[in-house]
Amino acid sequence: MQENGHRWREDRTNAENEAKRNKIRNLVFPVFAEINPSFIKTLGEDMARIRQTDDIADDYFAEAAEKIVKANDNSLEISVVPLLELKHWRYVLWRTLEDCSFSAETFEKLCGLLERYRTQPLGTVTLSGKTFQSPAYVLKARRKVLVLSKKL
């Protein structure tokens, strides 16, 4: 922080253990550091790798979404066939829908349907007519596209 020209500022609540993050920093990390003196250094290095992994995942998603997601005036269309050709299609679908508040159960039902569509003989699983809802959105499955729109 100081290397970026910012002065150090100590928040008075950092020493208190009311917030979970402070409790972990003040009580748990010292125990880990006692067990393994290089814990803090190793954790910092691991966090840098996790940030890099997150960047890689963001790049993968952006590239995949560019090929399968099409925005219209009042909806978003997700092309099912190119989606299901992706090795990590569940991740791409989750990232596409993550801000729409679909429950984990609803998302798993959607993925189950798409998995059956992907693995069963052609024509034995129908997407058309299936609807998935969140509090603010509806996702309608059509022949080879999922259409996401806000509820009216």
N, C-alpha and C. Protein backbone atom coordinates (compact mmCIF):
# COMPACT_ATOMS: atom_id res chain seq x y z
N MET A 1 0.82 -1.18 0.00
CA MET A 1 0.00 0.00 0.00
C MET A 1 0.87 1.25 0.00
N GLN A 2 1.89 1.28 0.84
CA GLN A 2 2.75 2.44 0.89
C GLN A 2 3.52 2.61 -0.40
N GLU A 3 3.81 1.50 -1.10
CA GLU A 3 4.53 1.61 -2.36
C GLU A 3 3.69 2.27 -3.44
N ASN A 4 2.38 2.35 -3.25
CA ASN A 4 1.49 3.02 -4.20
C ASN A 4 1.22 4.47 -3.81
N GLY A 5 1.97 4.98 -2.81
CA GLY A 5 1.81 6.36 -2.42
C GLY A 5 0.73 6.60 -1.38
N HIS A 6 0.15 5.53 -0.83
CA HIS A 6 -0.88 5.67 0.20
C HIS A 6 -0.23 5.53 1.58
N ARG A 7 -0.71 6.33 2.51
CA ARG A 7 -0.20 6.22 3.88
C ARG A 7 -0.93 5.10 4.61
N TRP A 8 -0.23 4.44 5.52
CA TRP A 8 -0.83 3.38 6.33
C TRP A 8 -1.85 4.00 7.27
N ARG A 9 -2.98 3.36 7.40
CA ARG A 9 -4.03 3.81 8.31
C ARG A 9 -4.53 2.59 9.06
N GLU A 10 -4.47 2.63 10.34
CA GLU A 10 -4.92 1.52 11.17
C GLU A 10 -6.38 1.75 11.55
N ASP A 11 -7.22 0.82 11.18
CA ASP A 11 -8.64 0.86 11.55
C ASP A 11 -8.76 0.36 12.99
N ARG A 12 -9.39 1.11 13.85
CA ARG A 12 -9.47 0.73 15.27
C ARG A 12 -10.18 -0.60 15.48
N THR A 13 -11.05 -1.00 14.52
CA THR A 13 -11.78 -2.26 14.69
C THR A 13 -10.92 -3.48 14.34
N ASN A 14 -9.75 -3.28 13.74
CA ASN A 14 -8.89 -4.42 13.38
C ASN A 14 -8.48 -5.24 14.59
N ALA A 15 -8.33 -4.61 15.74
CA ALA A 15 -7.91 -5.33 16.95
C ALA A 15 -9.08 -6.01 17.64
N GLU A 16 -10.30 -5.66 17.28
CA GLU A 16 -11.49 -6.28 17.87
C GLU A 16 -11.82 -7.57 17.14
N ASN A 17 -12.46 -8.48 17.84
CA ASN A 17 -12.77 -9.78 17.24
C ASN A 17 -14.25 -9.98 16.94
N GLU A 18 -14.98 -8.90 16.80
CA GLU A 18 -16.41 -8.99 16.49
C GLU A 18 -16.63 -9.47 15.05
N ALA A 19 -15.90 -8.88 14.12
CA ALA A 19 -16.03 -9.27 12.72
C ALA A 19 -15.30 -10.60 12.49
N LYS A 20 -15.88 -11.47 11.70
CA LYS A 20 -15.28 -12.78 11.44
C LYS A 20 -13.88 -12.66 10.86
N ARG A 21 -13.69 -11.71 9.93
CA ARG A 21 -12.38 -11.57 9.31
C ARG A 21 -11.32 -11.22 10.35
N ASN A 22 -11.69 -10.38 11.32
CA ASN A 22 -10.75 -10.01 12.37
C ASN A 22 -10.48 -11.19 13.31
N LYS A 23 -11.51 -11.94 13.62
CA LYS A 23 -11.35 -13.11 14.49
C LYS A 23 -10.38 -14.10 13.85
N ILE A 24 -10.51 -14.30 12.55
CA ILE A 24 -9.59 -15.21 11.84
C ILE A 24 -8.18 -14.63 11.86
N ARG A 25 -8.05 -13.35 11.52
CA ARG A 25 -6.73 -12.71 11.48
C ARG A 25 -6.08 -12.68 12.86
N ASN A 26 -6.86 -12.38 13.90
CA ASN A 26 -6.29 -12.17 15.24
C ASN A 26 -6.14 -13.45 16.06
N LEU A 27 -7.00 -14.44 15.82
CA LEU A 27 -6.97 -15.65 16.65
C LEU A 27 -6.51 -16.90 15.91
N VAL A 28 -6.96 -17.09 14.69
CA VAL A 28 -6.65 -18.32 13.96
C VAL A 28 -5.28 -18.24 13.29
N PHE A 29 -5.00 -17.16 12.58
CA PHE A 29 -3.71 -17.06 11.89
C PHE A 29 -2.52 -17.20 12.83
N PRO A 30 -2.54 -16.60 14.02
CA PRO A 30 -1.39 -16.81 14.91
C PRO A 30 -1.17 -18.27 15.30
N VAL A 31 -2.24 -19.03 15.46
CA VAL A 31 -2.09 -20.46 15.77
C VAL A 31 -1.46 -21.18 14.59
N PHE A 32 -1.92 -20.89 13.37
CA PHE A 32 -1.31 -21.49 12.19
C PHE A 32 0.16 -21.09 12.07
N ALA A 33 0.46 -19.84 12.35
CA ALA A 33 1.84 -19.36 12.26
C ALA A 33 2.71 -20.04 13.32
N GLU A 34 2.13 -20.35 14.46
CA GLU A 34 2.88 -21.07 15.49
C GLU A 34 3.20 -22.49 15.04
N ILE A 35 2.24 -23.13 14.40
CA ILE A 35 2.44 -24.49 13.89
C ILE A 35 3.41 -24.48 12.72
N ASN A 36 3.24 -23.50 11.83
CA ASN A 36 4.09 -23.40 10.63
C ASN A 36 4.54 -21.95 10.49
N PRO A 37 5.78 -21.64 10.89
CA PRO A 37 6.26 -20.25 10.87
C PRO A 37 6.17 -19.57 9.50
N SER A 38 6.15 -20.33 8.43
CA SER A 38 6.05 -19.71 7.10
C SER A 38 4.61 -19.62 6.61
N PHE A 39 3.64 -19.84 7.50
CA PHE A 39 2.24 -19.86 7.11
C PHE A 39 1.80 -18.58 6.40
N ILE A 40 2.08 -17.43 7.00
CA ILE A 40 1.62 -16.15 6.42
C ILE A 40 2.24 -15.94 5.05
N LYS A 41 3.54 -16.21 4.91
CA LYS A 41 4.22 -16.05 3.62
C LYS A 41 3.61 -17.00 2.59
N THR A 42 3.42 -18.25 2.99
CA THR A 42 2.85 -19.25 2.08
C THR A 42 1.42 -18.88 1.69
N LEU A 43 0.64 -18.40 2.65
CA LEU A 43 -0.74 -17.98 2.36
C LEU A 43 -0.75 -16.84 1.35
N GLY A 44 0.15 -15.88 1.52
CA GLY A 44 0.24 -14.76 0.57
C GLY A 44 0.59 -15.24 -0.82
N GLU A 45 1.52 -16.18 -0.92
CA GLU A 45 1.89 -16.74 -2.22
C GLU A 45 0.73 -17.50 -2.84
N ASP A 46 0.02 -18.28 -2.00
CA ASP A 46 -1.14 -19.02 -2.49
C ASP A 46 -2.23 -18.07 -2.98
N MET A 47 -2.45 -16.98 -2.27
CA MET A 47 -3.47 -16.00 -2.69
C MET A 47 -3.11 -15.39 -4.04
N ALA A 48 -1.83 -15.14 -4.27
CA ALA A 48 -1.41 -14.61 -5.58
C ALA A 48 -1.72 -15.61 -6.68
N ARG A 49 -1.49 -16.89 -6.41
CA ARG A 49 -1.80 -17.92 -7.41
C ARG A 49 -3.31 -18.04 -7.62
N ILE A 50 -4.06 -17.92 -6.55
CA ILE A 50 -5.53 -17.98 -6.67
C ILE A 50 -6.04 -16.81 -7.50
N ARG A 51 -5.49 -15.60 -7.29
CA ARG A 51 -5.87 -14.45 -8.11
C ARG A 51 -5.57 -14.70 -9.58
N GLN A 52 -4.42 -15.32 -9.86
CA GLN A 52 -4.06 -15.62 -11.24
C GLN A 52 -5.02 -16.65 -11.82
N THR A 53 -5.37 -17.65 -11.03
CA THR A 53 -6.34 -18.65 -11.48
C THR A 53 -7.69 -18.01 -11.77
N ASP A 54 -8.09 -17.07 -10.93
CA ASP A 54 -9.34 -16.35 -11.14
C ASP A 54 -9.29 -15.56 -12.44
N ASP A 55 -8.15 -14.94 -12.73
CA ASP A 55 -7.99 -14.21 -13.99
C ASP A 55 -8.11 -15.15 -15.19
N ILE A 56 -7.52 -16.33 -15.07
CA ILE A 56 -7.60 -17.33 -16.15
C ILE A 56 -9.05 -17.75 -16.37
N ALA A 57 -9.77 -17.99 -15.27
CA ALA A 57 -11.19 -18.36 -15.36
C ALA A 57 -12.01 -17.24 -16.00
N ASP A 58 -11.71 -16.00 -15.63
CA ASP A 58 -12.41 -14.85 -16.24
C ASP A 58 -12.17 -14.81 -17.74
N ASP A 59 -10.93 -15.02 -18.16
CA ASP A 59 -10.60 -15.01 -19.59
C ASP A 59 -11.33 -16.14 -20.32
N TYR A 60 -11.34 -17.34 -19.71
CA TYR A 60 -12.03 -18.49 -20.31
C TYR A 60 -13.51 -18.18 -20.48
N PHE A 61 -14.12 -17.64 -19.43
CA PHE A 61 -15.54 -17.32 -19.50
C PHE A 61 -15.83 -16.28 -20.58
N ALA A 62 -15.04 -15.22 -20.61
CA ALA A 62 -15.28 -14.16 -21.59
C ALA A 62 -15.19 -14.69 -23.01
N GLU A 63 -14.20 -15.52 -23.26
CA GLU A 63 -14.03 -16.10 -24.60
C GLU A 63 -15.20 -17.02 -24.95
N ALA A 64 -15.62 -17.84 -24.01
CA ALA A 64 -16.73 -18.77 -24.25
C ALA A 64 -18.04 -18.01 -24.41
N ALA A 65 -18.28 -17.04 -23.55
CA ALA A 65 -19.54 -16.29 -23.61
C ALA A 65 -19.69 -15.54 -24.92
N GLU A 66 -18.58 -15.07 -25.44
CA GLU A 66 -18.61 -14.36 -26.72
C GLU A 66 -19.17 -15.25 -27.84
N LYS A 67 -18.94 -16.55 -27.72
CA LYS A 67 -19.38 -17.50 -28.75
C LYS A 67 -20.80 -18.00 -28.54
N ILE A 68 -21.29 -18.01 -27.30
CA ILE A 68 -22.58 -18.65 -27.03
C ILE A 68 -23.68 -17.72 -26.55
N VAL A 69 -23.33 -16.53 -26.07
CA VAL A 69 -24.33 -15.63 -25.49
C VAL A 69 -24.58 -14.46 -26.43
N LYS A 70 -25.85 -14.20 -26.65
CA LYS A 70 -26.25 -13.09 -27.52
C LYS A 70 -27.27 -12.24 -26.76
N ALA A 71 -26.98 -10.97 -26.63
CA ALA A 71 -27.89 -10.06 -25.94
C ALA A 71 -28.87 -9.45 -26.92
N ASN A 72 -30.13 -9.49 -26.56
CA ASN A 72 -31.17 -8.82 -27.33
C ASN A 72 -31.71 -7.66 -26.50
N ASP A 73 -32.70 -6.97 -26.99
CA ASP A 73 -33.24 -5.81 -26.28
C ASP A 73 -33.68 -6.15 -24.86
N ASN A 74 -34.50 -7.17 -24.71
CA ASN A 74 -35.07 -7.49 -23.40
C ASN A 74 -34.69 -8.88 -22.91
N SER A 75 -33.75 -9.52 -23.58
CA SER A 75 -33.41 -10.89 -23.19
C SER A 75 -31.96 -11.21 -23.55
N LEU A 76 -31.55 -12.36 -23.05
CA LEU A 76 -30.23 -12.90 -23.34
C LEU A 76 -30.45 -14.30 -23.88
N GLU A 77 -29.81 -14.63 -24.99
CA GLU A 77 -29.95 -15.97 -25.57
C GLU A 77 -28.65 -16.74 -25.40
N ILE A 78 -28.77 -17.96 -24.91
CA ILE A 78 -27.63 -18.84 -24.73
C ILE A 78 -27.80 -20.02 -25.70
N SER A 79 -26.90 -20.14 -26.64
CA SER A 79 -26.97 -21.23 -27.62
C SER A 79 -26.54 -22.53 -26.95
N VAL A 80 -27.43 -23.50 -26.93
CA VAL A 80 -27.22 -24.73 -26.17
C VAL A 80 -26.13 -25.62 -26.77
N VAL A 81 -26.16 -25.86 -28.07
CA VAL A 81 -25.19 -26.79 -28.66
C VAL A 81 -23.75 -26.33 -28.47
N PRO A 82 -23.40 -25.07 -28.80
CA PRO A 82 -22.02 -24.65 -28.54
C PRO A 82 -21.68 -24.64 -27.04
N LEU A 83 -22.67 -24.33 -26.20
CA LEU A 83 -22.44 -24.38 -24.75
C LEU A 83 -22.02 -25.78 -24.34
N LEU A 84 -22.78 -26.77 -24.75
CA LEU A 84 -22.54 -28.14 -24.33
C LEU A 84 -21.29 -28.75 -24.96
N GLU A 85 -20.74 -28.11 -25.97
CA GLU A 85 -19.48 -28.58 -26.56
C GLU A 85 -18.27 -28.14 -25.72
N LEU A 86 -18.49 -27.20 -24.81
CA LEU A 86 -17.40 -26.72 -23.97
C LEU A 86 -17.07 -27.74 -22.89
N LYS A 87 -15.80 -27.90 -22.61
CA LYS A 87 -15.37 -28.82 -21.56
C LYS A 87 -15.94 -28.40 -20.21
N HIS A 88 -15.99 -27.11 -19.96
CA HIS A 88 -16.46 -26.59 -18.67
C HIS A 88 -17.78 -25.84 -18.84
N TRP A 89 -18.73 -26.47 -19.50
CA TRP A 89 -19.97 -25.81 -19.82
C TRP A 89 -20.77 -25.40 -18.58
N ARG A 90 -20.72 -26.22 -17.53
CA ARG A 90 -21.45 -25.87 -16.30
C ARG A 90 -20.93 -24.56 -15.71
N TYR A 91 -19.62 -24.39 -15.73
CA TYR A 91 -19.02 -23.16 -15.21
C TYR A 91 -19.46 -21.95 -16.04
N VAL A 92 -19.43 -22.09 -17.35
CA VAL A 92 -19.82 -20.99 -18.23
C VAL A 92 -21.30 -20.65 -18.02
N LEU A 93 -22.12 -21.66 -17.88
CA LEU A 93 -23.55 -21.42 -17.64
C LEU A 93 -23.74 -20.74 -16.28
N TRP A 94 -23.06 -21.22 -15.26
CA TRP A 94 -23.17 -20.61 -13.94
C TRP A 94 -22.74 -19.15 -13.98
N ARG A 95 -21.62 -18.86 -14.64
CA ARG A 95 -21.15 -17.47 -14.72
C ARG A 95 -22.15 -16.60 -15.49
N THR A 96 -22.77 -17.17 -16.50
CA THR A 96 -23.74 -16.41 -17.29
C THR A 96 -24.96 -16.05 -16.43
N LEU A 97 -25.34 -16.96 -15.54
CA LEU A 97 -26.56 -16.78 -14.75
C LEU A 97 -26.31 -16.31 -13.32
N GLU A 98 -25.05 -16.13 -12.93
CA GLU A 98 -24.73 -15.92 -11.52
C GLU A 98 -25.40 -14.70 -10.89
N ASP A 99 -25.68 -13.67 -11.64
CA ASP A 99 -26.30 -12.47 -11.06
C ASP A 99 -27.83 -12.51 -11.10
N CYS A 100 -28.38 -13.63 -11.48
CA CYS A 100 -29.84 -13.74 -11.65
C CYS A 100 -30.54 -14.41 -10.47
N SER A 101 -29.81 -14.81 -9.46
CA SER A 101 -30.37 -15.37 -8.22
C SER A 101 -31.14 -16.67 -8.40
N PHE A 102 -30.71 -17.51 -9.35
CA PHE A 102 -31.30 -18.84 -9.44
C PHE A 102 -30.81 -19.65 -8.25
N SER A 103 -31.68 -20.40 -7.63
CA SER A 103 -31.27 -21.22 -6.50
C SER A 103 -30.35 -22.33 -6.98
N ALA A 104 -29.59 -22.89 -6.06
CA ALA A 104 -28.71 -24.01 -6.39
C ALA A 104 -29.53 -25.18 -6.92
N GLU A 105 -30.68 -25.40 -6.33
CA GLU A 105 -31.56 -26.49 -6.76
C GLU A 105 -32.04 -26.28 -8.19
N THR A 106 -32.46 -25.07 -8.51
CA THR A 106 -32.93 -24.76 -9.86
C THR A 106 -31.79 -24.89 -10.86
N PHE A 107 -30.61 -24.39 -10.50
CA PHE A 107 -29.46 -24.50 -11.39
C PHE A 107 -29.11 -25.97 -11.65
N GLU A 108 -29.18 -26.80 -10.62
CA GLU A 108 -28.88 -28.22 -10.80
C GLU A 108 -29.91 -28.92 -11.67
N LYS A 109 -31.17 -28.53 -11.54
CA LYS A 109 -32.22 -29.09 -12.41
C LYS A 109 -31.94 -28.71 -13.87
N LEU A 110 -31.56 -27.46 -14.09
CA LEU A 110 -31.22 -27.02 -15.44
C LEU A 110 -30.04 -27.81 -15.98
N CYS A 111 -29.00 -27.95 -15.18
CA CYS A 111 -27.81 -28.70 -15.61
C CYS A 111 -28.14 -30.16 -15.87
N GLY A 112 -29.01 -30.74 -15.04
CA GLY A 112 -29.43 -32.12 -15.25
C GLY A 112 -30.14 -32.29 -16.59
N LEU A 113 -31.02 -31.36 -16.91
CA LEU A 113 -31.71 -31.39 -18.20
C LEU A 113 -30.71 -31.28 -19.34
N LEU A 114 -29.78 -30.34 -19.24
CA LEU A 114 -28.79 -30.15 -20.30
C LEU A 114 -27.86 -31.35 -20.42
N GLU A 115 -27.51 -31.95 -19.31
CA GLU A 115 -26.66 -33.15 -19.34
C GLU A 115 -27.37 -34.30 -20.04
N ARG A 116 -28.65 -34.48 -19.75
CA ARG A 116 -29.42 -35.51 -20.45
C ARG A 116 -29.51 -35.20 -21.94
N TYR A 117 -29.74 -33.94 -22.28
CA TYR A 117 -29.81 -33.52 -23.67
C TYR A 117 -28.49 -33.81 -24.39
N ARG A 118 -27.39 -33.58 -23.67
CA ARG A 118 -26.05 -33.77 -24.23
C ARG A 118 -25.70 -35.24 -24.42
N THR A 119 -26.15 -36.09 -23.51
CA THR A 119 -25.67 -37.48 -23.51
C THR A 119 -26.65 -38.50 -24.08
N GLN A 120 -27.92 -38.17 -24.14
CA GLN A 120 -28.92 -39.12 -24.64
C GLN A 120 -28.98 -39.08 -26.16
N PRO A 121 -29.47 -40.14 -26.76
CA PRO A 121 -29.60 -40.14 -28.23
C PRO A 121 -30.42 -38.94 -28.71
N LEU A 122 -30.01 -38.42 -29.83
CA LEU A 122 -30.64 -37.24 -30.42
C LEU A 122 -32.16 -37.41 -30.50
N GLY A 123 -32.87 -36.42 -30.02
CA GLY A 123 -34.33 -36.43 -30.10
C GLY A 123 -35.03 -37.07 -28.93
N THR A 124 -34.30 -37.70 -28.01
CA THR A 124 -34.97 -38.36 -26.89
C THR A 124 -35.20 -37.42 -25.70
N VAL A 125 -34.47 -36.32 -25.64
CA VAL A 125 -34.67 -35.32 -24.57
C VAL A 125 -35.05 -34.01 -25.23
N THR A 126 -36.16 -33.46 -24.81
CA THR A 126 -36.67 -32.21 -25.38
C THR A 126 -36.40 -31.06 -24.42
N LEU A 127 -35.86 -29.98 -24.96
CA LEU A 127 -35.66 -28.77 -24.16
C LEU A 127 -36.88 -27.87 -24.19
N SER A 128 -37.50 -27.79 -25.35
CA SER A 128 -38.61 -26.84 -25.56
C SER A 128 -39.67 -26.96 -24.49
N GLY A 129 -40.07 -25.79 -24.00
CA GLY A 129 -41.16 -25.74 -23.04
C GLY A 129 -40.73 -25.76 -21.58
N LYS A 130 -39.49 -26.09 -21.32
CA LYS A 130 -39.01 -26.12 -19.93
C LYS A 130 -38.74 -24.68 -19.47
N THR A 131 -39.13 -24.40 -18.24
CA THR A 131 -38.97 -23.06 -17.69
C THR A 131 -38.32 -23.15 -16.31
N PHE A 132 -37.39 -22.25 -16.06
CA PHE A 132 -36.69 -22.17 -14.78
C PHE A 132 -36.82 -20.74 -14.29
N GLN A 133 -37.14 -20.59 -12.99
CA GLN A 133 -37.40 -19.25 -12.49
C GLN A 133 -36.56 -18.92 -11.26
N SER A 134 -36.19 -17.66 -11.18
CA SER A 134 -35.58 -17.09 -9.99
C SER A 134 -36.54 -16.00 -9.53
N PRO A 135 -36.25 -15.33 -8.43
CA PRO A 135 -37.18 -14.27 -8.00
C PRO A 135 -37.42 -13.18 -9.05
N ALA A 136 -36.40 -12.86 -9.86
CA ALA A 136 -36.54 -11.75 -10.80
C ALA A 136 -36.43 -12.16 -12.26
N TYR A 137 -36.04 -13.41 -12.54
CA TYR A 137 -35.79 -13.82 -13.92
C TYR A 137 -36.52 -15.11 -14.25
N VAL A 138 -36.72 -15.28 -15.55
CA VAL A 138 -37.25 -16.53 -16.07
C VAL A 138 -36.33 -16.97 -17.21
N LEU A 139 -36.02 -18.26 -17.20
CA LEU A 139 -35.18 -18.85 -18.24
C LEU A 139 -36.04 -19.88 -18.96
N LYS A 140 -36.29 -19.63 -20.23
CA LYS A 140 -37.14 -20.54 -21.02
C LYS A 140 -36.26 -21.29 -22.01
N ALA A 141 -36.45 -22.60 -22.02
CA ALA A 141 -35.72 -23.43 -22.96
C ALA A 141 -36.54 -23.54 -24.24
N ARG A 142 -35.89 -23.24 -25.32
CA ARG A 142 -36.50 -23.44 -26.64
C ARG A 142 -35.70 -24.53 -27.33
N ARG A 143 -35.92 -24.75 -28.59
CA ARG A 143 -35.28 -25.88 -29.29
C ARG A 143 -33.79 -26.01 -28.99
N LYS A 144 -33.01 -25.03 -29.32
CA LYS A 144 -31.57 -25.11 -29.11
C LYS A 144 -31.03 -23.83 -28.49
N VAL A 145 -31.90 -23.16 -27.74
CA VAL A 145 -31.49 -21.91 -27.11
C VAL A 145 -32.20 -21.77 -25.76
N LEU A 146 -31.49 -21.17 -24.82
CA LEU A 146 -32.08 -20.79 -23.54
C LEU A 146 -32.26 -19.27 -23.58
N VAL A 147 -33.47 -18.82 -23.28
CA VAL A 147 -33.79 -17.40 -23.33
C VAL A 147 -34.01 -16.90 -21.90
N LEU A 148 -33.17 -15.98 -21.48
CA LEU A 148 -33.22 -15.39 -20.15
C LEU A 148 -33.83 -14.00 -20.26
N SER A 149 -34.86 -13.74 -19.44
CA SER A 149 -35.45 -12.41 -19.43
C SER A 149 -35.94 -12.09 -18.02
N LYS A 150 -36.06 -10.79 -17.77
CA LYS A 150 -36.59 -10.35 -16.48
C LYS A 150 -38.07 -10.64 -16.44
N LYS A 151 -38.56 -10.97 -15.24
CA LYS A 151 -39.98 -11.16 -15.07
C LYS A 151 -40.68 -9.81 -15.22
N LEU A 152 -41.87 -9.85 -15.75
CA LEU A 152 -42.65 -8.63 -15.92
C LEU A 152 -43.37 -8.24 -14.66
